[in-house]
Amino acid sequence: GTAEQIVMISRFDNLGKGASGAAVQCMNLMLGLTEDTGL
């Protein structure tokens, strides 16, 4: 954008970081595993 108007964009997979991937990521943290295991 510009100094007056900015556009922020977030791009990802609605089924990944937006759903199942986020769930598995949180499970890994809860079980004390490496965060990206299986991802």
ModelCIF file with pLDDT and N, C-alpha, C, O atoms, coordinates in Angstrom:
data_MODEL
#
_entry.id   MODEL 
#
_entity.id                         1 
_entity.type                       polymer 
_entity.pdbx_number_of_molecules   1 
#
_entity_poly.entity_id                      1 
_entity_poly.type                           'polypeptide(L)' 
_entity_poly.nstd_linkage                   no 
_entity_poly.nstd_monomer                   no 
_entity_poly.pdbx_seq_one_letter_code       GTAEQIVMISRFDNLGKGASGAAVQCMNLMLGLTEDTGL 
_entity_poly.pdbx_seq_one_letter_code_can   GTAEQIVMISRFDNLGKGASGAAVQCMNLMLGLTEDTGL 
_entity_poly.pdbx_strand_id                 A 
#
loop_
_entity_poly_seq.entity_id 
_entity_poly_seq.num 
_entity_poly_seq.mon_id 
_entity_poly_seq.hetero 
1 1  GLY n 
1 2  THR n 
1 3  ALA n 
1 4  GLU n 
1 5  GLN n 
1 6  ILE n 
1 7  VAL n 
1 8  MET n 
1 9  ILE n 
1 10 SER n 
1 11 ARG n 
1 12 PHE n 
1 13 ASP n 
1 14 ASN n 
1 15 LEU n 
1 16 GLY n 
1 17 LYS n 
1 18 GLY n 
1 19 ALA n 
1 20 SER n 
1 21 GLY n 
1 22 ALA n 
1 23 ALA n 
1 24 VAL n 
1 25 GLN n 
1 26 CYS n 
1 27 MET n 
1 28 ASN n 
1 29 LEU n 
1 30 MET n 
1 31 LEU n 
1 32 GLY n 
1 33 LEU n 
1 34 THR n 
1 35 GLU n 
1 36 ASP n 
1 37 THR n 
1 38 GLY n 
1 39 LEU n 
#
_struct_asym.id          A 
_struct_asym.entity_id   1 
#
loop_
_ma_qa_metric.id 
_ma_qa_metric.mode 
_ma_qa_metric.name 
_ma_qa_metric.software_group_id 
_ma_qa_metric.type 
1 global pLDDT . pLDDT 
2 local  pLDDT . pLDDT 
#
_ma_qa_metric_global.metric_id      1 
_ma_qa_metric_global.metric_value   96.38 
_ma_qa_metric_global.model_id       1 
_ma_qa_metric_global.ordinal_id     1 
#
loop_
_ma_qa_metric_local.label_asym_id 
_ma_qa_metric_local.label_comp_id 
_ma_qa_metric_local.label_seq_id 
_ma_qa_metric_local.metric_id 
_ma_qa_metric_local.metric_value 
_ma_qa_metric_local.model_id 
_ma_qa_metric_local.ordinal_id 
A GLY 1  2 95.00 1 1  
A THR 2  2 95.00 1 2  
A ALA 3  2 94.00 1 3  
A GLU 4  2 96.00 1 4  
A GLN 5  2 97.00 1 5  
A ILE 6  2 97.00 1 6  
A VAL 7  2 97.00 1 7  
A MET 8  2 98.00 1 8  
A ILE 9  2 98.00 1 9  
A SER 10 2 98.00 1 10 
A ARG 11 2 98.00 1 11 
A PHE 12 2 98.00 1 12 
A ASP 13 2 97.00 1 13 
A ASN 14 2 97.00 1 14 
A LEU 15 2 96.00 1 15 
A GLY 16 2 96.00 1 16 
A LYS 17 2 97.00 1 17 
A GLY 18 2 97.00 1 18 
A ALA 19 2 95.00 1 19 
A SER 20 2 96.00 1 20 
A GLY 21 2 96.00 1 21 
A ALA 22 2 97.00 1 22 
A ALA 23 2 97.00 1 23 
A VAL 24 2 97.00 1 24 
A GLN 25 2 98.00 1 25 
A CYS 26 2 98.00 1 26 
A MET 27 2 98.00 1 27 
A ASN 28 2 98.00 1 28 
A LEU 29 2 98.00 1 29 
A MET 30 2 98.00 1 30 
A LEU 31 2 97.00 1 31 
A GLY 32 2 96.00 1 32 
A LEU 33 2 96.00 1 33 
A THR 34 2 94.00 1 34 
A GLU 35 2 95.00 1 35 
A ASP 36 2 95.00 1 36 
A THR 37 2 94.00 1 37 
A GLY 38 2 92.00 1 38 
A LEU 39 2 93.00 1 39 
#
loop_
_atom_site.group_PDB 
_atom_site.id 
_atom_site.type_symbol 
_atom_site.label_atom_id 
_atom_site.label_alt_id 
_atom_site.label_comp_id 
_atom_site.label_asym_id 
_atom_site.label_entity_id 
_atom_site.label_seq_id 
_atom_site.pdbx_PDB_ins_code 
_atom_site.Cartn_x 
_atom_site.Cartn_y 
_atom_site.Cartn_z 
_atom_site.occupancy 
_atom_site.B_iso_or_equiv 
_atom_site.pdbx_formal_charge 
_atom_site.auth_seq_id 
_atom_site.auth_comp_id 
_atom_site.auth_asym_id 
_atom_site.auth_atom_id 
_atom_site.pdbx_PDB_model_num 
ATOM 1   N N  . GLY A 1 1  ? 0.804  -1.212  0.000  1.00 95.00 ? 1  GLY A N  1 
ATOM 2   C CA . GLY A 1 1  ? 0.000  0.000   0.000  1.00 95.00 ? 1  GLY A CA 1 
ATOM 3   C C  . GLY A 1 1  ? 0.831  1.254   0.000  1.00 95.00 ? 1  GLY A C  1 
ATOM 4   O O  . GLY A 1 1  ? 1.944  1.277   -0.527 1.00 95.00 ? 1  GLY A O  1 
ATOM 5   N N  . THR A 1 2  ? 0.283  2.308   0.599  1.00 95.00 ? 2  THR A N  1 
ATOM 6   C CA . THR A 1 2  ? 0.919  3.621   0.637  1.00 95.00 ? 2  THR A CA 1 
ATOM 7   C C  . THR A 1 2  ? 0.994  4.105   2.078  1.00 95.00 ? 2  THR A C  1 
ATOM 8   O O  . THR A 1 2  ? 0.584  3.405   3.004  1.00 95.00 ? 2  THR A O  1 
ATOM 9   N N  . ALA A 1 3  ? 1.516  5.295   2.253  1.00 94.00 ? 3  ALA A N  1 
ATOM 10  C CA . ALA A 1 3  ? 1.610  5.879   3.595  1.00 94.00 ? 3  ALA A CA 1 
ATOM 11  C C  . ALA A 1 3  ? 0.225  6.195   4.164  1.00 94.00 ? 3  ALA A C  1 
ATOM 12  O O  . ALA A 1 3  ? 0.072  6.335   5.378  1.00 94.00 ? 3  ALA A O  1 
ATOM 13  N N  . GLU A 1 4  ? -0.780 6.306   3.300  1.00 96.00 ? 4  GLU A N  1 
ATOM 14  C CA . GLU A 1 4  ? -2.133 6.631   3.749  1.00 96.00 ? 4  GLU A CA 1 
ATOM 15  C C  . GLU A 1 4  ? -3.037 5.406   3.858  1.00 96.00 ? 4  GLU A C  1 
ATOM 16  O O  . GLU A 1 4  ? -3.889 5.341   4.744  1.00 96.00 ? 4  GLU A O  1 
ATOM 17  N N  . GLN A 1 5  ? -2.857 4.435   2.962  1.00 97.00 ? 5  GLN A N  1 
ATOM 18  C CA . GLN A 1 5  ? -3.730 3.266   2.922  1.00 97.00 ? 5  GLN A CA 1 
ATOM 19  C C  . GLN A 1 5  ? -2.891 2.003   2.774  1.00 97.00 ? 5  GLN A C  1 
ATOM 20  O O  . GLN A 1 5  ? -2.094 1.880   1.843  1.00 97.00 ? 5  GLN A O  1 
ATOM 21  N N  . ILE A 1 6  ? -3.077 1.077   3.694  1.00 97.00 ? 6  ILE A N  1 
ATOM 22  C CA . ILE A 1 6  ? -2.301 -0.164  3.721  1.00 97.00 ? 6  ILE A CA 1 
ATOM 23  C C  . ILE A 1 6  ? -3.252 -1.345  3.601  1.00 97.00 ? 6  ILE A C  1 
ATOM 24  O O  . ILE A 1 6  ? -4.348 -1.330  4.161  1.00 97.00 ? 6  ILE A O  1 
ATOM 25  N N  . VAL A 1 7  ? -2.831 -2.354  2.876  1.00 97.00 ? 7  VAL A N  1 
ATOM 26  C CA . VAL A 1 7  ? -3.564 -3.623  2.812  1.00 97.00 ? 7  VAL A CA 1 
ATOM 27  C C  . VAL A 1 7  ? -2.665 -4.711  3.379  1.00 97.00 ? 7  VAL A C  1 
ATOM 28  O O  . VAL A 1 7  ? -1.548 -4.923  2.907  1.00 97.00 ? 7  VAL A O  1 
ATOM 29  N N  . MET A 1 8  ? -3.169 -5.396  4.394  1.00 98.00 ? 8  MET A N  1 
ATOM 30  C CA . MET A 1 8  ? -2.469 -6.531  4.992  1.00 98.00 ? 8  MET A CA 1 
ATOM 31  C C  . MET A 1 8  ? -3.124 -7.810  4.476  1.00 98.00 ? 8  MET A C  1 
ATOM 32  O O  . MET A 1 8  ? -4.349 -7.904  4.405  1.00 98.00 ? 8  MET A O  1 
ATOM 33  N N  . ILE A 1 9  ? -2.299 -8.790  4.119  1.00 98.00 ? 9  ILE A N  1 
ATOM 34  C CA . ILE A 1 9  ? -2.795 -10.017 3.493  1.00 98.00 ? 9  ILE A CA 1 
ATOM 35  C C  . ILE A 1 9  ? -2.240 -11.232 4.233  1.00 98.00 ? 9  ILE A C  1 
ATOM 36  O O  . ILE A 1 9  ? -1.046 -11.319 4.520  1.00 98.00 ? 9  ILE A O  1 
ATOM 37  N N  . SER A 1 10 ? -3.132 -12.154 4.527  1.00 98.00 ? 10 SER A N  1 
ATOM 38  C CA . SER A 1 10 ? -2.746 -13.425 5.142  1.00 98.00 ? 10 SER A CA 1 
ATOM 39  C C  . SER A 1 10 ? -3.181 -14.545 4.207  1.00 98.00 ? 10 SER A C  1 
ATOM 40  O O  . SER A 1 10 ? -4.368 -14.668 3.902  1.00 98.00 ? 10 SER A O  1 
ATOM 41  N N  . ARG A 1 11 ? -2.230 -15.370 3.746  1.00 98.00 ? 11 ARG A N  1 
ATOM 42  C CA . ARG A 1 11 ? -2.531 -16.453 2.791  1.00 98.00 ? 11 ARG A CA 1 
ATOM 43  C C  . ARG A 1 11 ? -2.123 -17.793 3.397  1.00 98.00 ? 11 ARG A C  1 
ATOM 44  O O  . ARG A 1 11 ? -1.018 -17.941 3.918  1.00 98.00 ? 11 ARG A O  1 
ATOM 45  N N  . PHE A 1 12 ? -3.032 -18.767 3.321  1.00 98.00 ? 12 PHE A N  1 
ATOM 46  C CA . PHE A 1 12 ? -2.777 -20.081 3.930  1.00 98.00 ? 12 PHE A CA 1 
ATOM 47  C C  . PHE A 1 12 ? -3.806 -21.068 3.401  1.00 98.00 ? 12 PHE A C  1 
ATOM 48  O O  . PHE A 1 12 ? -4.628 -20.722 2.553  1.00 98.00 ? 12 PHE A O  1 
ATOM 49  N N  . ASP A 1 13 ? -3.759 -22.299 3.902  1.00 97.00 ? 13 ASP A N  1 
ATOM 50  C CA . ASP A 1 13 ? -4.724 -23.326 3.505  1.00 97.00 ? 13 ASP A CA 1 
ATOM 51  C C  . ASP A 1 13 ? -5.807 -23.401 4.564  1.00 97.00 ? 13 ASP A C  1 
ATOM 52  O O  . ASP A 1 13 ? -5.512 -23.630 5.737  1.00 97.00 ? 13 ASP A O  1 
ATOM 53  N N  . ASN A 1 14 ? -7.056 -23.211 4.166  1.00 97.00 ? 14 ASN A N  1 
ATOM 54  C CA . ASN A 1 14 ? -8.149 -23.304 5.133  1.00 97.00 ? 14 ASN A CA 1 
ATOM 55  C C  . ASN A 1 14 ? -8.245 -24.691 5.768  1.00 97.00 ? 14 ASN A C  1 
ATOM 56  O O  . ASN A 1 14 ? -8.777 -24.822 6.870  1.00 97.00 ? 14 ASN A O  1 
ATOM 57  N N  . LEU A 1 15 ? -7.742 -25.726 5.096  1.00 96.00 ? 15 LEU A N  1 
ATOM 58  C CA . LEU A 1 15 ? -7.725 -27.072 5.670  1.00 96.00 ? 15 LEU A CA 1 
ATOM 59  C C  . LEU A 1 15 ? -6.420 -27.372 6.408  1.00 96.00 ? 15 LEU A C  1 
ATOM 60  O O  . LEU A 1 15 ? -6.318 -28.388 7.094  1.00 96.00 ? 15 LEU A O  1 
ATOM 61  N N  . GLY A 1 16 ? -5.419 -26.492 6.271  1.00 96.00 ? 16 GLY A N  1 
ATOM 62  C CA . GLY A 1 16 ? -4.123 -26.678 6.906  1.00 96.00 ? 16 GLY A CA 1 
ATOM 63  C C  . GLY A 1 16 ? -4.029 -25.849 8.166  1.00 96.00 ? 16 GLY A C  1 
ATOM 64  O O  . GLY A 1 16 ? -4.555 -26.232 9.211  1.00 96.00 ? 16 GLY A O  1 
ATOM 65  N N  . LYS A 1 17 ? -3.347 -24.694 8.069  1.00 97.00 ? 17 LYS A N  1 
ATOM 66  C CA . LYS A 1 17 ? -3.236 -23.802 9.227  1.00 97.00 ? 17 LYS A CA 1 
ATOM 67  C C  . LYS A 1 17 ? -4.608 -23.316 9.670  1.00 97.00 ? 17 LYS A C  1 
ATOM 68  O O  . LYS A 1 17 ? -4.768 -22.858 10.801 1.00 97.00 ? 17 LYS A O  1 
ATOM 69  N N  . GLY A 1 18 ? -5.605 -23.413 8.782  1.00 97.00 ? 18 GLY A N  1 
ATOM 70  C CA . GLY A 1 18 ? -6.953 -23.009 9.135  1.00 97.00 ? 18 GLY A CA 1 
ATOM 71  C C  . GLY A 1 18 ? -7.800 -24.098 9.766  1.00 97.00 ? 18 GLY A C  1 
ATOM 72  O O  . GLY A 1 18 ? -8.950 -23.840 10.123 1.00 97.00 ? 18 GLY A O  1 
ATOM 73  N N  . ALA A 1 19 ? -7.272 -25.315 9.917  1.00 95.00 ? 19 ALA A N  1 
ATOM 74  C CA . ALA A 1 19 ? -8.089 -26.402 10.483 1.00 95.00 ? 19 ALA A CA 1 
ATOM 75  C C  . ALA A 1 19 ? -7.212 -27.548 10.975 1.00 95.00 ? 19 ALA A C  1 
ATOM 76  O O  . ALA A 1 19 ? -6.675 -27.486 12.080 1.00 95.00 ? 19 ALA A O  1 
ATOM 77  N N  . SER A 1 20 ? -7.062 -28.601 10.157 1.00 96.00 ? 20 SER A N  1 
ATOM 78  C CA . SER A 1 20 ? -6.417 -29.831 10.621 1.00 96.00 ? 20 SER A CA 1 
ATOM 79  C C  . SER A 1 20 ? -4.945 -29.625 10.962 1.00 96.00 ? 20 SER A C  1 
ATOM 80  O O  . SER A 1 20 ? -4.462 -30.161 11.960 1.00 96.00 ? 20 SER A O  1 
ATOM 81  N N  . GLY A 1 21 ? -4.227 -28.855 10.147 1.00 96.00 ? 21 GLY A N  1 
ATOM 82  C CA . GLY A 1 21 ? -2.815 -28.615 10.443 1.00 96.00 ? 21 GLY A CA 1 
ATOM 83  C C  . GLY A 1 21 ? -2.628 -27.895 11.759 1.00 96.00 ? 21 GLY A C  1 
ATOM 84  O O  . GLY A 1 21 ? -1.735 -28.232 12.535 1.00 96.00 ? 21 GLY A O  1 
ATOM 85  N N  . ALA A 1 22 ? -3.474 -26.893 12.019 1.00 97.00 ? 22 ALA A N  1 
ATOM 86  C CA . ALA A 1 22 ? -3.401 -26.169 13.290 1.00 97.00 ? 22 ALA A CA 1 
ATOM 87  C C  . ALA A 1 22 ? -3.709 -27.098 14.460 1.00 97.00 ? 22 ALA A C  1 
ATOM 88  O O  . ALA A 1 22 ? -3.084 -26.998 15.516 1.00 97.00 ? 22 ALA A O  1 
ATOM 89  N N  . ALA A 1 23 ? -4.672 -28.002 14.274 1.00 97.00 ? 23 ALA A N  1 
ATOM 90  C CA . ALA A 1 23 ? -5.024 -28.944 15.342 1.00 97.00 ? 23 ALA A CA 1 
ATOM 91  C C  . ALA A 1 23 ? -3.850 -29.867 15.673 1.00 97.00 ? 23 ALA A C  1 
ATOM 92  O O  . ALA A 1 23 ? -3.545 -30.092 16.844 1.00 97.00 ? 23 ALA A O  1 
ATOM 93  N N  . VAL A 1 24 ? -3.189 -30.403 14.634 1.00 97.00 ? 24 VAL A N  1 
ATOM 94  C CA . VAL A 1 24 ? -2.043 -31.287 14.853 1.00 97.00 ? 24 VAL A CA 1 
ATOM 95  C C  . VAL A 1 24 ? -0.873 -30.513 15.463 1.00 97.00 ? 24 VAL A C  1 
ATOM 96  O O  . VAL A 1 24 ? -0.179 -31.032 16.337 1.00 97.00 ? 24 VAL A O  1 
ATOM 97  N N  . GLN A 1 25 ? -0.652 -29.294 15.017 1.00 98.00 ? 25 GLN A N  1 
ATOM 98  C CA . GLN A 1 25 ? 0.397  -28.450 15.590 1.00 98.00 ? 25 GLN A CA 1 
ATOM 99  C C  . GLN A 1 25 ? 0.179  -28.266 17.089 1.00 98.00 ? 25 GLN A C  1 
ATOM 100 O O  . GLN A 1 25 ? 1.116  -28.400 17.877 1.00 98.00 ? 25 GLN A O  1 
ATOM 101 N N  . CYS A 1 26 ? -1.058 -27.960 17.485 1.00 98.00 ? 26 CYS A N  1 
ATOM 102 C CA . CYS A 1 26 ? -1.358 -27.792 18.911 1.00 98.00 ? 26 CYS A CA 1 
ATOM 103 C C  . CYS A 1 26 ? -1.185 -29.109 19.670 1.00 98.00 ? 26 CYS A C  1 
ATOM 104 O O  . CYS A 1 26 ? -0.677 -29.117 20.791 1.00 98.00 ? 26 CYS A O  1 
ATOM 105 N N  . MET A 1 27 ? -1.605 -30.218 19.063 1.00 98.00 ? 27 MET A N  1 
ATOM 106 C CA . MET A 1 27 ? -1.416 -31.516 19.711 1.00 98.00 ? 27 MET A CA 1 
ATOM 107 C C  . MET A 1 27 ? 0.065  -31.779 19.962 1.00 98.00 ? 27 MET A C  1 
ATOM 108 O O  . MET A 1 27 ? 0.438  -32.238 21.041 1.00 98.00 ? 27 MET A O  1 
ATOM 109 N N  . ASN A 1 28 ? 0.904  -31.493 18.981 1.00 98.00 ? 28 ASN A N  1 
ATOM 110 C CA . ASN A 1 28 ? 2.341  -31.706 19.155 1.00 98.00 ? 28 ASN A CA 1 
ATOM 111 C C  . ASN A 1 28 ? 2.865  -30.915 20.349 1.00 98.00 ? 28 ASN A C  1 
ATOM 112 O O  . ASN A 1 28 ? 3.641  -31.437 21.149 1.00 98.00 ? 28 ASN A O  1 
ATOM 113 N N  . LEU A 1 29 ? 2.443  -29.663 20.470 1.00 98.00 ? 29 LEU A N  1 
ATOM 114 C CA . LEU A 1 29 ? 2.884  -28.845 21.595 1.00 98.00 ? 29 LEU A CA 1 
ATOM 115 C C  . LEU A 1 29 ? 2.376  -29.424 22.916 1.00 98.00 ? 29 LEU A C  1 
ATOM 116 O O  . LEU A 1 29 ? 3.116  -29.456 23.898 1.00 98.00 ? 29 LEU A O  1 
ATOM 117 N N  . MET A 1 30 ? 1.137  -29.876 22.949 1.00 98.00 ? 30 MET A N  1 
ATOM 118 C CA . MET A 1 30 ? 0.556  -30.427 24.172 1.00 98.00 ? 30 MET A CA 1 
ATOM 119 C C  . MET A 1 30 ? 1.246  -31.705 24.611 1.00 98.00 ? 30 MET A C  1 
ATOM 120 O O  . MET A 1 30 ? 1.327  -31.995 25.805 1.00 98.00 ? 30 MET A O  1 
ATOM 121 N N  . LEU A 1 31 ? 1.747  -32.475 23.639 1.00 97.00 ? 31 LEU A N  1 
ATOM 122 C CA . LEU A 1 31 ? 2.422  -33.740 23.964 1.00 97.00 ? 31 LEU A CA 1 
ATOM 123 C C  . LEU A 1 31 ? 3.928  -33.577 24.126 1.00 97.00 ? 31 LEU A C  1 
ATOM 124 O O  . LEU A 1 31 ? 4.640  -34.557 24.344 1.00 97.00 ? 31 LEU A O  1 
ATOM 125 N N  . GLY A 1 32 ? 4.418  -32.340 24.019 1.00 96.00 ? 32 GLY A N  1 
ATOM 126 C CA . GLY A 1 32 ? 5.852  -32.096 24.182 1.00 96.00 ? 32 GLY A CA 1 
ATOM 127 C C  . GLY A 1 32 ? 6.682  -32.548 23.005 1.00 96.00 ? 32 GLY A C  1 
ATOM 128 O O  . GLY A 1 32 ? 7.878  -32.803 23.144 1.00 96.00 ? 32 GLY A O  1 
ATOM 129 N N  . LEU A 1 33 ? 6.047  -32.649 21.830 1.00 96.00 ? 33 LEU A N  1 
ATOM 130 C CA . LEU A 1 33 ? 6.744  -33.074 20.629 1.00 96.00 ? 33 LEU A CA 1 
ATOM 131 C C  . LEU A 1 33 ? 7.233  -31.866 19.838 1.00 96.00 ? 33 LEU A C  1 
ATOM 132 O O  . LEU A 1 33 ? 6.801  -30.741 20.092 1.00 96.00 ? 33 LEU A O  1 
ATOM 133 N N  . THR A 1 34 ? 8.124  -32.089 18.892 1.00 94.00 ? 34 THR A N  1 
ATOM 134 C CA . THR A 1 34 ? 8.545  -31.017 17.996 1.00 94.00 ? 34 THR A CA 1 
ATOM 135 C C  . THR A 1 34 ? 7.324  -30.493 17.262 1.00 94.00 ? 34 THR A C  1 
ATOM 136 O O  . THR A 1 34 ? 6.518  -31.269 16.749 1.00 94.00 ? 34 THR A O  1 
ATOM 137 N N  . GLU A 1 35 ? 7.189  -29.168 17.213 1.00 95.00 ? 35 GLU A N  1 
ATOM 138 C CA . GLU A 1 35 ? 5.977  -28.522 16.735 1.00 95.00 ? 35 GLU A CA 1 
ATOM 139 C C  . GLU A 1 35 ? 5.553  -28.940 15.333 1.00 95.00 ? 35 GLU A C  1 
ATOM 140 O O  . GLU A 1 35 ? 4.358  -29.041 15.055 1.00 95.00 ? 35 GLU A O  1 
ATOM 141 N N  . ASP A 1 36 ? 6.505  -29.182 14.457 1.00 95.00 ? 36 ASP A N  1 
ATOM 142 C CA . ASP A 1 36 ? 6.159  -29.484 13.071 1.00 95.00 ? 36 ASP A CA 1 
ATOM 143 C C  . ASP A 1 36 ? 6.164  -30.971 12.746 1.00 95.00 ? 36 ASP A C  1 
ATOM 144 O O  . ASP A 1 36 ? 6.182  -31.347 11.574 1.00 95.00 ? 36 ASP A O  1 
ATOM 145 N N  . THR A 1 37 ? 6.149  -31.819 13.764 1.00 94.00 ? 37 THR A N  1 
ATOM 146 C CA . THR A 1 37 ? 6.113  -33.273 13.522 1.00 94.00 ? 37 THR A CA 1 
ATOM 147 C C  . THR A 1 37 ? 4.860  -33.630 12.727 1.00 94.00 ? 37 THR A C  1 
ATOM 148 O O  . THR A 1 37 ? 3.748  -33.284 13.126 1.00 94.00 ? 37 THR A O  1 
ATOM 149 N N  . GLY A 1 38 ? 5.040  -34.315 11.617 1.00 92.00 ? 38 GLY A N  1 
ATOM 150 C CA . GLY A 1 38 ? 3.916  -34.723 10.781 1.00 92.00 ? 38 GLY A CA 1 
ATOM 151 C C  . GLY A 1 38 ? 3.335  -33.621 9.920  1.00 92.00 ? 38 GLY A C  1 
ATOM 152 O O  . GLY A 1 38 ? 2.352  -33.837 9.212  1.00 92.00 ? 38 GLY A O  1 
ATOM 153 N N  . LEU A 1 39 ? 3.936  -32.439 9.973  1.00 93.00 ? 39 LEU A N  1 
ATOM 154 C CA . LEU A 1 39 ? 3.407  -31.295 9.225  1.00 93.00 ? 39 LEU A CA 1 
ATOM 155 C C  . LEU A 1 39 ? 4.395  -30.809 8.172  1.00 93.00 ? 39 LEU A C  1 
ATOM 156 O O  . LEU A 1 39 ? 4.109  -29.852 7.452  1.00 93.00 ? 39 LEU A O  1 
#
